């Protein structure tokens, strides 16, 4: 059997699993996982290329706090509020943003 073919098959199977483990790291959860009404802080923007640049140009950078205002019935898009701005994000864009959920103000 061709060992290069075997190696290629192994890489195709293992690389998505490795990417998932490495990409989540210690950055917390993904923005797309937050529920309506929750507040969070951005820990990392891992989106790709032009999407990453657009998100960061709008001010959604590491350390930005925001609130999830609403989510469409099928989960796409979702609306967040930060710095006086309402921003709608597609689910695939929100999956590239890692956040840490903030405690509710009523529970402090």
PDB file of N, CA and C in Angstrom:
ATOM      1  N   UNK A   1       0.845  -1.186   0.000  1.00  0.00           N
ATOM      2  CA  UNK A   1       0.000   0.000   0.000  1.00  0.00           C
ATOM      3  C   UNK A   1       0.883   1.240   0.000  1.00  0.00           C
ATOM      4  N   UNK A   2       0.412   2.247  -0.630  1.00  0.00           N
ATOM      5  CA  UNK A   2       1.149   3.495  -0.717  1.00  0.00           C
ATOM      6  C   UNK A   2       1.085   4.225   0.633  1.00  0.00           C
ATOM      7  N   UNK A   3       2.221   4.397   1.272  1.00  0.00           N
ATOM      8  CA  UNK A   3       2.263   5.030   2.589  1.00  0.00           C
ATOM      9  C   UNK A   3       1.875   6.504   2.550  1.00  0.00           C
ATOM     10  N   UNK A   4       2.116   7.173   1.443  1.00  0.00           N
ATOM     11  CA  UNK A   4       1.716   8.575   1.328  1.00  0.00           C
ATOM     12  C   UNK A   4       0.196   8.699   1.315  1.00  0.00           C
ATOM     13  N   UNK A   5      -0.472   7.781   0.659  1.00  0.00           N
ATOM     14  CA  UNK A   5      -1.937   7.775   0.633  1.00  0.00           C
ATOM     15  C   UNK A   5      -2.480   7.517   2.032  1.00  0.00           C
ATOM     16  N   UNK A   6      -1.893   6.588   2.735  1.00  0.00           N
ATOM     17  CA  UNK A   6      -2.302   6.287   4.101  1.00  0.00           C
ATOM     18  C   UNK A   6      -2.105   7.511   5.006  1.00  0.00           C
ATOM     19  N   UNK A   7      -0.969   8.170   4.875  1.00  0.00           N
ATOM     20  CA  UNK A   7      -0.701   9.372   5.656  1.00  0.00           C
ATOM     21  C   UNK A   7      -1.706  10.468   5.334  1.00  0.00           C
ATOM     22  N   UNK A   8      -2.036  10.658   4.081  1.00  0.00           N
ATOM     23  CA  UNK A   8      -3.008  11.676   3.673  1.00  0.00           C
ATOM     24  C   UNK A   8      -4.380  11.392   4.277  1.00  0.00           C
ATOM     25  N   UNK A   9      -4.787  10.144   4.270  1.00  0.00           N
ATOM     26  CA  UNK A   9      -6.084   9.772   4.845  1.00  0.00           C
ATOM     27  C   UNK A   9      -6.102  10.044   6.344  1.00  0.00           C
ATOM     28  N   UNK A  10      -5.040   9.710   7.022  1.00  0.00           N
ATOM     29  CA  UNK A  10      -4.954   9.955   8.467  1.00  0.00           C
ATOM     30  C   UNK A  10      -5.024  11.449   8.755  1.00  0.00           C
ATOM     31  N   UNK A  11      -4.319  12.258   7.991  1.00  0.00           N
ATOM     32  CA  UNK A  11      -4.344  13.708   8.195  1.00  0.00           C
ATOM     33  C   UNK A  11      -5.729  14.293   7.961  1.00  0.00           C
ATOM     34  N   UNK A  12      -6.421  13.802   6.949  1.00  0.00           N
ATOM     35  CA  UNK A  12      -7.775  14.293   6.655  1.00  0.00           C
ATOM     36  C   UNK A  12      -8.723  13.966   7.802  1.00  0.00           C
ATOM     37  N   UNK A  13      -8.537  12.845   8.431  1.00  0.00           N
ATOM     38  CA  UNK A  13      -9.406  12.436   9.532  1.00  0.00           C
ATOM     39  C   UNK A  13      -9.044  13.164  10.823  1.00  0.00           C
ATOM     40  N   UNK A  14      -7.773  13.309  11.117  1.00  0.00           N
ATOM     41  CA  UNK A  14      -7.332  13.864  12.397  1.00  0.00           C
ATOM     42  C   UNK A  14      -7.312  15.399  12.421  1.00  0.00           C
ATOM     43  N   UNK A  15      -7.025  16.060  11.318  1.00  0.00           N
ATOM     44  CA  UNK A  15      -6.848  17.509  11.343  1.00  0.00           C
ATOM     45  C   UNK A  15      -8.077  18.285  11.820  1.00  0.00           C
ATOM     46  N   UNK A  16      -9.328  17.927  11.438  1.00  0.00           N
ATOM     47  CA  UNK A  16     -10.461  18.676  11.986  1.00  0.00           C
ATOM     48  C   UNK A  16     -10.596  18.522  13.494  1.00  0.00           C
ATOM     49  N   UNK A  17     -10.299  17.338  14.009  1.00  0.00           N
ATOM     50  CA  UNK A  17     -10.369  17.115  15.453  1.00  0.00           C
ATOM     51  C   UNK A  17      -9.307  17.949  16.163  1.00  0.00           C
ATOM     52  N   UNK A  18      -8.098  17.939  15.639  1.00  0.00           N
ATOM     53  CA  UNK A  18      -7.015  18.727  16.217  1.00  0.00           C
ATOM     54  C   UNK A  18      -7.339  20.219  16.168  1.00  0.00           C
ATOM     55  N   UNK A  19      -7.866  20.687  15.026  1.00  0.00           N
ATOM     56  CA  UNK A  19      -8.211  22.100  14.889  1.00  0.00           C
ATOM     57  C   UNK A  19      -9.245  22.510  15.923  1.00  0.00           C
ATOM     58  N   UNK A  20     -10.243  21.668  16.162  1.00  0.00           N
ATOM     59  CA  UNK A  20     -11.273  21.990  17.143  1.00  0.00           C
ATOM     60  C   UNK A  20     -10.676  22.116  18.538  1.00  0.00           C
ATOM     61  N   UNK A  21      -9.818  21.181  18.906  1.00  0.00           N
ATOM     62  CA  UNK A  21      -9.211  21.197  20.234  1.00  0.00           C
ATOM     63  C   UNK A  21      -8.314  22.418  20.409  1.00  0.00           C
ATOM     64  N   UNK A  22      -7.498  22.725  19.406  1.00  0.00           N
ATOM     65  CA  UNK A  22      -6.570  23.847  19.494  1.00  0.00           C
ATOM     66  C   UNK A  22      -7.300  25.179  19.393  1.00  0.00           C
ATOM     67  N   UNK A  23      -8.316  25.271  18.546  1.00  0.00           N
ATOM     68  CA  UNK A  23      -8.984  26.554  18.327  1.00  0.00           C
ATOM     69  C   UNK A  23      -9.763  27.014  19.538  1.00  0.00           C
ATOM     70  N   UNK A  24     -10.349  26.089  20.310  1.00  0.00           N
ATOM     71  CA  UNK A  24     -11.084  26.516  21.483  1.00  0.00           C
ATOM     72  C   UNK A  24     -10.127  26.891  22.609  1.00  0.00           C
ATOM     73  N   UNK A  25      -9.055  26.166  22.770  1.00  0.00           N
ATOM     74  CA  UNK A  25      -8.018  26.492  23.752  1.00  0.00           C
ATOM     75  C   UNK A  25      -8.606  26.921  25.078  1.00  0.00           C
ATOM     76  N   UNK A  26      -8.075  28.002  25.635  1.00  0.00           N
ATOM     77  CA  UNK A  26      -8.587  28.541  26.888  1.00  0.00           C
ATOM     78  C   UNK A  26      -9.291  29.871  26.643  1.00  0.00           C
ATOM     79  N   UNK A  27      -9.840  30.043  25.452  1.00  0.00           N
ATOM     80  CA  UNK A  27     -10.522  31.298  25.114  1.00  0.00           C
ATOM     81  C   UNK A  27     -11.956  31.341  25.613  1.00  0.00           C
ATOM     82  N   UNK A  28     -12.481  30.276  26.140  1.00  0.00           N
ATOM     83  CA  UNK A  28     -13.853  30.257  26.621  1.00  0.00           C
ATOM     84  C   UNK A  28     -14.789  29.626  25.616  1.00  0.00           C
ATOM     85  N   UNK A  29     -15.969  30.193  25.476  1.00  0.00           N
ATOM     86  CA  UNK A  29     -16.975  29.635  24.574  1.00  0.00           C
ATOM     87  C   UNK A  29     -17.124  30.504  23.332  1.00  0.00           C
ATOM     88  N   UNK A  30     -17.840  30.010  22.354  1.00  0.00           N
ATOM     89  CA  UNK A  30     -18.077  30.768  21.127  1.00  0.00           C
ATOM     90  C   UNK A  30     -19.281  31.684  21.303  1.00  0.00           C
ATOM     91  N   UNK A  31     -19.252  32.827  20.644  1.00  0.00           N
ATOM     92  CA  UNK A  31     -20.360  33.780  20.699  1.00  0.00           C
ATOM     93  C   UNK A  31     -21.657  33.125  20.252  1.00  0.00           C
ATOM     94  N   UNK A  32     -21.602  32.246  19.280  1.00  0.00           N
ATOM     95  CA  UNK A  32     -22.797  31.593  18.759  1.00  0.00           C
ATOM     96  C   UNK A  32     -23.490  30.709  19.800  1.00  0.00           C
ATOM     97  N   UNK A  33     -22.817  30.373  20.894  1.00  0.00           N
ATOM     98  CA  UNK A  33     -23.376  29.511  21.939  1.00  0.00           C
ATOM     99  C   UNK A  33     -24.125  30.295  23.012  1.00  0.00           C
ATOM    100  N   UNK A  34     -24.011  31.620  23.021  1.00  0.00           N
ATOM    101  CA  UNK A  34     -24.656  32.440  24.048  1.00  0.00           C
ATOM    102  C   UNK A  34     -26.159  32.520  23.820  1.00  0.00           C
ATOM    103  N   UNK A  35     -26.904  32.634  24.897  1.00  0.00           N
ATOM    104  CA  UNK A  35     -28.360  32.760  24.855  1.00  0.00           C
ATOM    105  C   UNK A  35     -28.761  34.233  24.949  1.00  0.00           C
ATOM    106  N   UNK A  36     -29.993  34.516  24.574  1.00  0.00           N
ATOM    107  CA  UNK A  36     -30.529  35.877  24.610  1.00  0.00           C
ATOM    108  C   UNK A  36     -30.484  36.423  26.031  1.00  0.00           C
ATOM    109  N   UNK A  37     -30.061  37.684  26.160  1.00  0.00           N
ATOM    110  CA  UNK A  37     -29.993  38.346  27.457  1.00  0.00           C
ATOM    111  C   UNK A  37     -28.670  38.187  28.179  1.00  0.00           C
ATOM    112  N   UNK A  38     -27.813  37.302  27.724  1.00  0.00           N
ATOM    113  CA  UNK A  38     -26.523  37.077  28.381  1.00  0.00           C
ATOM    114  C   UNK A  38     -25.524  38.162  27.981  1.00  0.00           C
ATOM    115  N   UNK A  39     -24.672  38.507  28.924  1.00  0.00           N
ATOM    116  CA  UNK A  39     -23.596  39.461  28.668  1.00  0.00           C
ATOM    117  C   UNK A  39     -22.275  38.700  28.678  1.00  0.00           C
ATOM    118  N   UNK A  40     -21.342  39.167  27.837  1.00  0.00           N
ATOM    119  CA  UNK A  40     -20.061  38.489  27.731  1.00  0.00           C
ATOM    120  C   UNK A  40     -18.973  39.476  27.327  1.00  0.00           C
ATOM    121  N   UNK A  41     -17.740  38.993  27.366  1.00  0.00           N
ATOM    122  CA  UNK A  41     -16.575  39.785  26.961  1.00  0.00           C
ATOM    123  C   UNK A  41     -15.789  38.980  25.932  1.00  0.00           C
ATOM    124  N   UNK A  42     -15.363  39.663  24.877  1.00  0.00           N
ATOM    125  CA  UNK A  42     -14.605  39.018  23.810  1.00  0.00           C
ATOM    126  C   UNK A  42     -13.210  38.673  24.319  1.00  0.00           C
ATOM    127  N   UNK A  43     -12.791  37.417  24.096  1.00  0.00           N
ATOM    128  CA  UNK A  43     -11.446  37.002  24.480  1.00  0.00           C
ATOM    129  C   UNK A  43     -10.551  36.815  23.254  1.00  0.00           C
ATOM    130  N   UNK A  44     -11.147  36.514  22.093  1.00  0.00           N
ATOM    131  CA  UNK A  44     -10.363  36.332  20.865  1.00  0.00           C
ATOM    132  C   UNK A  44     -11.275  36.383  19.648  1.00  0.00           C
ATOM    133  N   UNK A  45     -10.731  36.898  18.550  1.00  0.00           N
ATOM    134  CA  UNK A  45     -11.436  36.887  17.264  1.00  0.00           C
ATOM    135  C   UNK A  45     -10.625  35.983  16.342  1.00  0.00           C
ATOM    136  N   UNK A  46     -11.180  34.802  16.055  1.00  0.00           N
ATOM    137  CA  UNK A  46     -10.481  33.804  15.242  1.00  0.00           C
ATOM    138  C   UNK A  46     -11.113  33.652  13.856  1.00  0.00           C
ATOM    139  N   UNK A  47     -11.948  34.608  13.456  1.00  0.00           N
ATOM    140  CA  UNK A  47     -12.579  34.544  12.136  1.00  0.00           C
ATOM    141  C   UNK A  47     -11.512  34.679  11.057  1.00  0.00           C
ATOM    142  N   UNK A  48     -11.880  34.364   9.831  1.00  0.00           N
ATOM    143  CA  UNK A  48     -10.937  34.361   8.719  1.00  0.00           C
ATOM    144  C   UNK A  48     -10.986  35.644   7.895  1.00  0.00           C
ATOM    145  N   UNK A  49      -9.846  36.093   7.439  1.00  0.00           N
ATOM    146  CA  UNK A  49      -9.675  37.138   6.434  1.00  0.00           C
ATOM    147  C   UNK A  49     -10.522  38.377   6.566  1.00  0.00           C
ATOM    148  N   UNK A  50     -11.329  38.638   5.522  1.00  0.00           N
ATOM    149  CA  UNK A  50     -12.110  39.865   5.438  1.00  0.00           C
ATOM    150  C   UNK A  50     -13.165  39.941   6.538  1.00  0.00           C
ATOM    151  N   UNK A  51     -13.709  38.805   6.929  1.00  0.00           N
ATOM    152  CA  UNK A  51     -14.713  38.789   7.998  1.00  0.00           C
ATOM    153  C   UNK A  51     -14.088  39.255   9.305  1.00  0.00           C
ATOM    154  N   UNK A  52     -12.909  38.760   9.618  1.00  0.00           N
ATOM    155  CA  UNK A  52     -12.198  39.160  10.841  1.00  0.00           C
ATOM    156  C   UNK A  52     -11.916  40.658  10.835  1.00  0.00           C
ATOM    157  N   UNK A  53     -11.467  41.151   9.710  1.00  0.00           N
ATOM    158  CA  UNK A  53     -11.141  42.579   9.611  1.00  0.00           C
ATOM    159  C   UNK A  53     -12.386  43.441   9.793  1.00  0.00           C
ATOM    160  N   UNK A  54     -13.489  43.033   9.159  1.00  0.00           N
ATOM    161  CA  UNK A  54     -14.736  43.794   9.271  1.00  0.00           C
ATOM    162  C   UNK A  54     -15.236  43.817  10.708  1.00  0.00           C
ATOM    163  N   UNK A  55     -15.192  42.662  11.371  1.00  0.00           N
ATOM    164  CA  UNK A  55     -15.649  42.577  12.763  1.00  0.00           C
ATOM    165  C   UNK A  55     -14.802  43.477  13.650  1.00  0.00           C
ATOM    166  N   UNK A  56     -13.496  43.425  13.484  1.00  0.00           N
ATOM    167  CA  UNK A  56     -12.606  44.236  14.314  1.00  0.00           C
ATOM    168  C   UNK A  56     -12.720  45.724  13.980  1.00  0.00           C
ATOM    169  N   UNK A  57     -12.949  46.067  12.715  1.00  0.00           N
ATOM    170  CA  UNK A  57     -13.134  47.469  12.343  1.00  0.00           C
ATOM    171  C   UNK A  57     -14.370  48.077  12.993  1.00  0.00           C
ATOM    172  N   UNK A  58     -15.372  47.248  13.253  1.00  0.00           N
ATOM    173  CA  UNK A  58     -16.593  47.738  13.907  1.00  0.00           C
ATOM    174  C   UNK A  58     -16.417  47.869  15.411  1.00  0.00           C
ATOM    175  N   UNK A  59     -15.286  47.449  15.937  1.00  0.00           N
ATOM    176  CA  UNK A  59     -14.997  47.629  17.356  1.00  0.00           C
ATOM    177  C   UNK A  59     -15.178  46.394  18.213  1.00  0.00           C
ATOM    178  N   UNK A  60     -15.485  45.271  17.619  1.00  0.00           N
ATOM    179  CA  UNK A  60     -15.638  44.040  18.387  1.00  0.00           C
ATOM    180  C   UNK A  60     -14.272  43.369  18.498  1.00  0.00           C
ATOM    181  N   UNK A  61     -13.496  43.844  19.481  1.00  0.00           N
ATOM    182  CA  UNK A  61     -12.124  43.378  19.677  1.00  0.00           C
ATOM    183  C   UNK A  61     -11.987  42.772  21.071  1.00  0.00           C
ATOM    184  N   UNK A  62     -10.836  42.193  21.350  1.00  0.00           N
ATOM    185  CA  UNK A  62     -10.581  41.576  22.653  1.00  0.00           C
ATOM    186  C   UNK A  62     -10.844  42.596  23.765  1.00  0.00           C
ATOM    187  N   UNK A  63     -11.609  42.177  24.772  1.00  0.00           N
ATOM    188  CA  UNK A  63     -11.927  43.039  25.901  1.00  0.00           C
ATOM    189  C   UNK A  63     -13.253  43.767  25.778  1.00  0.00           C
ATOM    190  N   UNK A  64     -13.890  43.729  24.621  1.00  0.00           N
ATOM    191  CA  UNK A  64     -15.173  44.409  24.413  1.00  0.00           C
ATOM    192  C   UNK A  64     -16.279  43.624  25.101  1.00  0.00           C
ATOM    193  N   UNK A  65     -17.089  44.332  25.885  1.00  0.00           N
ATOM    194  CA  UNK A  65     -18.242  43.705  26.540  1.00  0.00           C
ATOM    195  C   UNK A  65     -19.480  43.986  25.711  1.00  0.00           C
ATOM    196  N   UNK A  66     -20.377  43.018  25.658  1.00  0.00           N
ATOM    197  CA  UNK A  66     -21.582  43.160  24.858  1.00  0.00           C
ATOM    198  C   UNK A  66     -22.705  42.337  25.465  1.00  0.00           C
ATOM    199  N   UNK A  67     -23.910  42.526  24.917  1.00  0.00           N
ATOM    200  CA  UNK A  67     -25.085  41.780  25.354  1.00  0.00           C
ATOM    201  C   UNK A  67     -25.777  41.193  24.132  1.00  0.00           C
ATOM    202  N   UNK A  68     -26.232  39.953  24.239  1.00  0.00           N
ATOM    203  CA  UNK A  68     -26.990  39.322  23.160  1.00  0.00           C
ATOM    204  C   UNK A  68     -28.428  39.822  23.270  1.00  0.00           C
ATOM    205  N   UNK A  69     -28.884  40.558  22.245  1.00  0.00           N
ATOM    206  CA  UNK A  69     -30.213  41.154  22.261  1.00  0.00           C
ATOM    207  C   UNK A  69     -31.268  40.158  21.798  1.00  0.00           C
ATOM    208  N   UNK A  70     -31.031  39.526  20.642  1.00  0.00           N
ATOM    209  CA  UNK A  70     -31.985  38.539  20.133  1.00  0.00           C
ATOM    210  C   UNK A  70     -31.315  37.610  19.145  1.00  0.00           C
ATOM    211  N   UNK A  71     -31.951  36.466  18.975  1.00  0.00           N
ATOM    212  CA  UNK A  71     -31.466  35.464  18.029  1.00  0.00           C
ATOM    213  C   UNK A  71     -32.660  35.032  17.181  1.00  0.00           C
ATOM    214  N   UNK A  72     -32.471  34.929  15.877  1.00  0.00           N
ATOM    215  CA  UNK A  72     -33.533  34.494  14.977  1.00  0.00           C
ATOM    216  C   UNK A  72     -33.968  33.072  15.332  1.00  0.00           C
ATOM    217  N   UNK A  73     -35.177  32.691  14.939  1.00  0.00           N
ATOM    218  CA  UNK A  73     -35.692  31.362  15.319  1.00  0.00           C
ATOM    219  C   UNK A  73     -34.774  30.188  14.976  1.00  0.00           C
ATOM    220  N   UNK A  74     -34.088  30.238  13.862  1.00  0.00           N
ATOM    221  CA  UNK A  74     -33.190  29.142  13.507  1.00  0.00           C
ATOM    222  C   UNK A  74     -31.745  29.400  13.939  1.00  0.00           C
ATOM    223  N   UNK A  75     -31.534  30.445  14.757  1.00  0.00           N
ATOM    224  CA  UNK A  75     -30.204  30.734  15.283  1.00  0.00           C
ATOM    225  C   UNK A  75     -29.321  31.563  14.364  1.00  0.00           C
ATOM    226  N   UNK A  76     -29.870  32.036  13.260  1.00  0.00           N
ATOM    227  CA  UNK A  76     -29.060  32.785  12.294  1.00  0.00           C
ATOM    228  C   UNK A  76     -29.906  33.855  11.637  1.00  0.00           C
ATOM    229  N   UNK A  77     -29.650  35.137  11.798  1.00  0.00           N
ATOM    230  CA  UNK A  77     -28.525  35.757  12.495  1.00  0.00           C
ATOM    231  C   UNK A  77     -28.826  36.003  13.973  1.00  0.00           C
ATOM    232  N   UNK A  78     -27.854  36.570  14.657  1.00  0.00           N
ATOM    233  CA  UNK A  78     -28.036  36.976  16.044  1.00  0.00           C
ATOM    234  C   UNK A  78     -27.637  38.441  16.178  1.00  0.00           C
ATOM    235  N   UNK A  79     -28.309  39.152  17.087  1.00  0.00           N
ATOM    236  CA  UNK A  79     -28.044  40.573  17.280  1.00  0.00           C
ATOM    237  C   UNK A  79     -27.389  40.796  18.631  1.00  0.00           C
ATOM    238  N   UNK A  80     -26.303  41.576  18.634  1.00  0.00           N
ATOM    239  CA  UNK A  80     -25.632  41.934  19.886  1.00  0.00           C
ATOM    240  C   UNK A  80     -25.590  43.453  20.000  1.00  0.00           C
ATOM    241  N   UNK A  81     -25.435  43.938  21.232  1.00  0.00           N
ATOM    242  CA  UNK A  81     -25.369  45.374  21.499  1.00  0.00           C
ATOM    243  C   UNK A  81     -24.093  45.674  22.266  1.00  0.00           C
ATOM    244  N   UNK A  82     -23.273  46.597  21.751  1.00  0.00           N
ATOM    245  CA  UNK A  82     -22.057  47.029  22.427  1.00  0.00           C
ATOM    246  C   UNK A  82     -21.699  48.434  21.960  1.00  0.00           C
ATOM    247  N   UNK A  83     -21.154  49.246  22.854  1.00  0.00           N
ATOM    248  CA  UNK A  83     -20.695  50.600  22.544  1.00  0.00           C
ATOM    249  C   UNK A  83     -21.738  51.411  21.791  1.00  0.00           C
ATOM    250  N   UNK A  84     -23.025  51.244  22.148  1.00  0.00           N
ATOM    251  CA  UNK A  84     -24.097  51.992  21.502  1.00  0.00           C
ATOM    252  C   UNK A  84     -24.436  51.508  20.104  1.00  0.00           C
ATOM    253  N   UNK A  85     -23.960  50.339  19.716  1.00  0.00           N
ATOM    254  CA  UNK A  85     -24.143  49.816  18.364  1.00  0.00           C
ATOM    255  C   UNK A  85     -24.875  48.476  18.412  1.00  0.00           C
ATOM    256  N   UNK A  86     -25.885  48.337  17.558  1.00  0.00           N
ATOM    257  CA  UNK A  86     -26.556  47.048  17.377  1.00  0.00           C
ATOM    258  C   UNK A  86     -25.923  46.393  16.166  1.00  0.00           C
ATOM    259  N   UNK A  87     -25.443  45.169  16.334  1.00  0.00           N
ATOM    260  CA  UNK A  87     -24.745  44.465  15.261  1.00  0.00           C
ATOM    261  C   UNK A  87     -25.369  43.093  15.066  1.00  0.00           C
ATOM    262  N   UNK A  88     -25.732  42.778  13.817  1.00  0.00           N
ATOM    263  CA  UNK A  88     -26.258  41.454  13.488  1.00  0.00           C
ATOM    264  C   UNK A  88     -25.129  40.636  12.874  1.00  0.00           C
ATOM    265  N   UNK A  89     -24.948  39.435  13.386  1.00  0.00           N
ATOM    266  CA  UNK A  89     -23.894  38.542  12.909  1.00  0.00           C
ATOM    267  C   UNK A  89     -24.491  37.227  12.443  1.00  0.00           C
ATOM    268  N   UNK A  90     -23.966  36.709  11.359  1.00  0.00           N
ATOM    269  CA  UNK A  90     -24.341  35.364  10.928  1.00  0.00           C
ATOM    270  C   UNK A  90     -23.763  34.356  11.910  1.00  0.00           C
ATOM    271  N   UNK A  91     -24.360  33.194  11.966  1.00  0.00           N
ATOM    272  CA  UNK A  91     -23.905  32.167  12.907  1.00  0.00           C
ATOM    273  C   UNK A  91     -22.458  31.764  12.630  1.00  0.00           C
ATOM    274  N   UNK A  92     -22.093  31.632  11.342  1.00  0.00           N
ATOM    275  CA  UNK A  92     -20.715  31.231  11.033  1.00  0.00           C
ATOM    276  C   UNK A  92     -19.717  32.325  11.408  1.00  0.00           C
ATOM    277  N   UNK A  93     -20.133  33.588  11.394  1.00  0.00           N
ATOM    278  CA  UNK A  93     -19.254  34.672  11.848  1.00  0.00           C
ATOM    279  C   UNK A  93     -19.130  34.648  13.366  1.00  0.00           C
ATOM    280  N   UNK A  94     -20.242  34.399  14.055  1.00  0.00           N
ATOM    281  CA  UNK A  94     -20.248  34.354  15.514  1.00  0.00           C
ATOM    282  C   UNK A  94     -19.438  33.179  16.053  1.00  0.00           C
ATOM    283  N   UNK A  95     -19.309  32.110  15.279  1.00  0.00           N
ATOM    284  CA  UNK A  95     -18.522  30.957  15.731  1.00  0.00           C
ATOM    285  C   UNK A  95     -17.032  31.259  15.763  1.00  0.00           C
ATOM    286  N   UNK A  96     -16.592  32.288  15.048  1.00  0.00           N
ATOM    287  CA  UNK A  96     -15.187  32.668  15.043  1.00  0.00           C
ATOM    288  C   UNK A  96     -14.813  33.646  16.137  1.00  0.00           C
ATOM    289  N   UNK A  97     -15.774  33.995  16.998  1.00  0.00           N
ATOM    290  CA  UNK A  97     -15.536  34.943  18.089  1.00  0.00           C
ATOM    291  C   UNK A  97     -15.663  34.194  19.409  1.00  0.00           C
ATOM    292  N   UNK A  98     -14.598  34.222  20.205  1.00  0.00           N
ATOM    293  CA  UNK A  98     -14.588  33.523  21.490  1.00  0.00           C
ATOM    294  C   UNK A  98     -14.841  34.523  22.610  1.00  0.00           C
ATOM    295  N   UNK A  99     -15.662  34.105  23.574  1.00  0.00           N
ATOM    296  CA  UNK A  99     -16.106  35.000  24.641  1.00  0.00           C
ATOM    297  C   UNK A  99     -16.060  34.299  25.995  1.00  0.00           C
ATOM    298  N   UNK A 100     -16.117  35.118  27.048  1.00  0.00           N
ATOM    299  CA  UNK A 100     -16.287  34.628  28.406  1.00  0.00           C
ATOM    300  C   UNK A 100     -17.554  35.279  28.925  1.00  0.00           C
ATOM    301  N   UNK A 101     -18.503  34.453  29.345  1.00  0.00           N
ATOM    302  CA  UNK A 101     -19.763  34.966  29.836  1.00  0.00           C
ATOM    303  C   UNK A 101     -19.563  35.721  31.155  1.00  0.00           C
ATOM    304  N   UNK A 102     -20.220  36.855  31.288  1.00  0.00           N
ATOM    305  CA  UNK A 102     -20.134  37.672  32.488  1.00  0.00           C
ATOM    306  C   UNK A 102     -21.276  37.300  33.420  1.00  0.00           C
ATOM    307  N   UNK A 103     -21.070  37.387  34.730  1.00  0.00           N
ATOM    308  CA  UNK A 103     -22.160  37.064  35.677  1.00  0.00           C
ATOM    309  C   UNK A 103     -23.290  38.074  35.550  1.00  0.00           C
ATOM    310  N   UNK A 104     -24.517  37.586  35.802  1.00  0.00           N
ATOM    311  CA  UNK A 104     -25.683  38.483  35.773  1.00  0.00           C
ATOM    312  C   UNK A 104     -25.540  39.521  36.859  1.00  0.00           C
ATOM    313  N   UNK A 105     -26.007  40.735  36.565  1.00  0.00           N
ATOM    314  CA  UNK A 105     -25.889  41.829  37.530  1.00  0.00           C
ATOM    315  C   UNK A 105     -26.753  41.601  38.752  1.00  0.00           C
ATOM    316  N   UNK A 106     -27.860  40.876  38.592  1.00  0.00           N
ATOM    317  CA  UNK A 106     -28.760  40.604  39.708  1.00  0.00           C
ATOM    318  C   UNK A 106     -28.210  39.598  40.693  1.00  0.00           C
ATOM    319  N   UNK A 107     -27.239  38.781  40.298  1.00  0.00           N
ATOM    320  CA  UNK A 107     -26.709  37.741  41.175  1.00  0.00           C
ATOM    321  C   UNK A 107     -25.477  38.169  41.957  1.00  0.00           C
ATOM    322  N   UNK A 108     -25.068  39.407  41.783  1.00  0.00           N
ATOM    323  CA  UNK A 108     -23.859  39.880  42.499  1.00  0.00           C
ATOM    324  C   UNK A 108     -24.166  40.324  43.897  1.00  0.00           C
TER     325      UNK A 108
END
